[in-house]
Protein backbone atom coordinates (compact mmCIF):
# COMPACT_ATOMS: atom_id res chain seq x y z
CA MET A 1 -12.36 -2.99 -0.76
CA LEU A 2 -10.48 0.21 -2.20
CA ALA A 3 -11.76 2.03 0.57
CA VAL A 4 -9.73 0.21 2.26
CA VAL A 5 -7.03 -0.06 0.62
CA HIS A 6 -6.53 3.89 0.57
CA GLU A 7 -7.42 4.30 4.39
CA ALA A 8 -4.51 1.39 4.78
CA VAL A 9 -2.23 3.24 2.68
CA VAL A 10 -2.36 6.88 3.94
CA LYS A 11 -2.62 5.86 7.51
CA TYR A 12 0.88 3.71 6.72
CA VAL A 13 2.74 6.85 5.14
CA ASN A 14 1.36 9.48 7.73
CA ASN A 15 2.38 6.82 11.07
CA PRO A 16 6.05 8.46 12.13
CA ASP A 17 7.04 5.17 13.52
CA LEU A 18 7.32 3.55 9.92
CA VAL A 19 8.22 6.85 7.53
CA CYS A 20 11.44 9.03 8.80
CA ASP A 21 12.63 12.32 7.27
CA LEU A 22 16.20 11.79 8.75
CA GLU A 23 19.06 11.28 5.70
CA ASN A 24 19.86 7.42 5.39
CA HIS A 25 16.05 6.10 6.24
CA PHE A 26 13.62 4.57 3.80
CA PRO A 27 10.78 5.94 2.89
CA GLN A 28 10.94 9.62 3.66
CA PRO A 29 7.68 11.08 3.45
CA LYS A 30 8.97 14.76 1.72
CA ARG A 31 9.99 12.18 -1.28
CA LEU A 32 6.43 11.49 -2.03
CA THR A 33 4.14 12.98 -4.13
CA GLY A 34 1.33 11.84 -2.32
CA GLU A 35 0.04 9.65 -5.51
CA TYR A 36 0.72 6.49 -6.10
CA TYR A 37 -1.54 3.96 -7.99
CA LEU A 38 -2.59 0.29 -7.99
CA SER A 39 -0.37 -2.03 -9.53
CA ASP A 40 -1.09 -5.12 -8.52
CA GLU A 41 -4.31 -7.52 -7.53
CA TYR A 42 -3.96 -11.03 -6.11
CA TYR A 43 -7.23 -13.15 -4.72
CA ARG A 44 -7.38 -16.19 -3.13
CA CYS A 45 -10.05 -18.78 -1.89
CA GLU A 46 -9.54 -20.70 0.79
CA VAL A 47 -12.10 -23.25 2.14
CA GLY A 48 -12.78 -24.61 5.57
CA PRO A 49 -14.50 -22.41 6.43
CA VAL A 50 -14.75 -20.64 3.26
CA HIS A 51 -12.63 -16.94 3.08
CA PHE A 52 -11.04 -14.73 0.75
CA VAL A 53 -6.88 -13.43 0.89
CA ILE A 54 -6.55 -10.86 -1.47
CA SER A 55 -3.33 -8.43 -1.95
CA VAL A 56 -3.18 -5.29 -3.85
CA SER A 57 -0.41 -3.57 -4.36
CA THR A 58 0.56 0.04 -4.58
CA HIS A 59 3.41 2.00 -5.60
CA PHE A 60 3.65 6.16 -4.91
CA LEU A 61 5.40 8.35 -6.90
CA GLU A 62 8.70 10.31 -6.02
CA PRO A 63 8.86 13.85 -7.59
CA PRO A 64 11.85 14.44 -10.71
CA TRP A 65 14.93 15.04 -9.54
CA TYR A 66 16.17 16.76 -12.89
CA PRO A 67 14.10 18.95 -14.89
CA ASN A 68 11.99 17.95 -17.44
CA GLN A 69 11.69 14.31 -15.97
CA ASP A 70 8.39 12.53 -14.85
CA ASN A 71 7.94 11.03 -11.54
CA PHE A 72 8.75 8.36 -10.98
CA ASP A 73 7.95 5.04 -8.52
CA TYR A 74 9.34 5.17 -4.91
CA LEU A 75 7.78 3.36 -2.28
CA GLY A 76 5.49 0.24 -2.54
CA LEU A 77 3.04 -0.77 -0.32
CA GLU A 78 1.17 -4.65 -0.43
CA VAL A 79 -2.13 -4.68 1.50
CA TRP A 80 -3.13 -7.66 2.54
CA LEU A 81 -7.05 -8.15 3.12
CA HIS A 82 -9.25 -11.09 4.23
CA CYS A 83 -12.89 -11.17 3.59
CA ASP A 84 -15.11 -13.73 5.01
CA PRO A 85 -18.68 -14.15 3.17
CA LYS A 86 -20.07 -14.90 6.56
CA GLN A 87 -19.25 -11.22 8.11
CA ASN A 88 -21.52 -9.59 5.46
CA TRP A 89 -18.54 -9.20 3.05
CA GLU A 90 -16.29 -6.80 5.19
CA PHE A 91 -12.78 -6.23 4.11
CA VAL A 92 -10.04 -6.73 6.70
CA VAL A 93 -6.24 -5.53 6.81
CA THR A 94 -4.01 -8.20 7.79
CA GLY A 95 -1.56 -6.71 7.20
CA ILE A 96 1.19 -4.03 4.47
CA ASP A 97 4.66 -5.08 3.26
CA SER A 98 6.60 -2.41 1.93
CA SER A 99 9.54 -2.25 -0.51
CA SER A 100 11.86 0.38 -2.19
CA ILE A 101 10.93 0.68 -5.96
């Protein structure tokens, strides 16, 4: 599951249609350190037919603006996954929501 999430967020931040280096646009790839962490997870089982809906939230870091400042959160990506036990438990990305954090 984490490999699928990682692939999805890397694809997102490297997509020129979704990120832009122009001023006053969000998100800007030049403001990303290349690091992110998992912040939240959500799991839901639905019946008829049984399948799982999963959300994994990530926070991408921005470099410090001032000396002696730590990296801080810049971009949030929430990856939505679907998993069907009848399909070999394969995780499929069904969407990504972005936010400024």
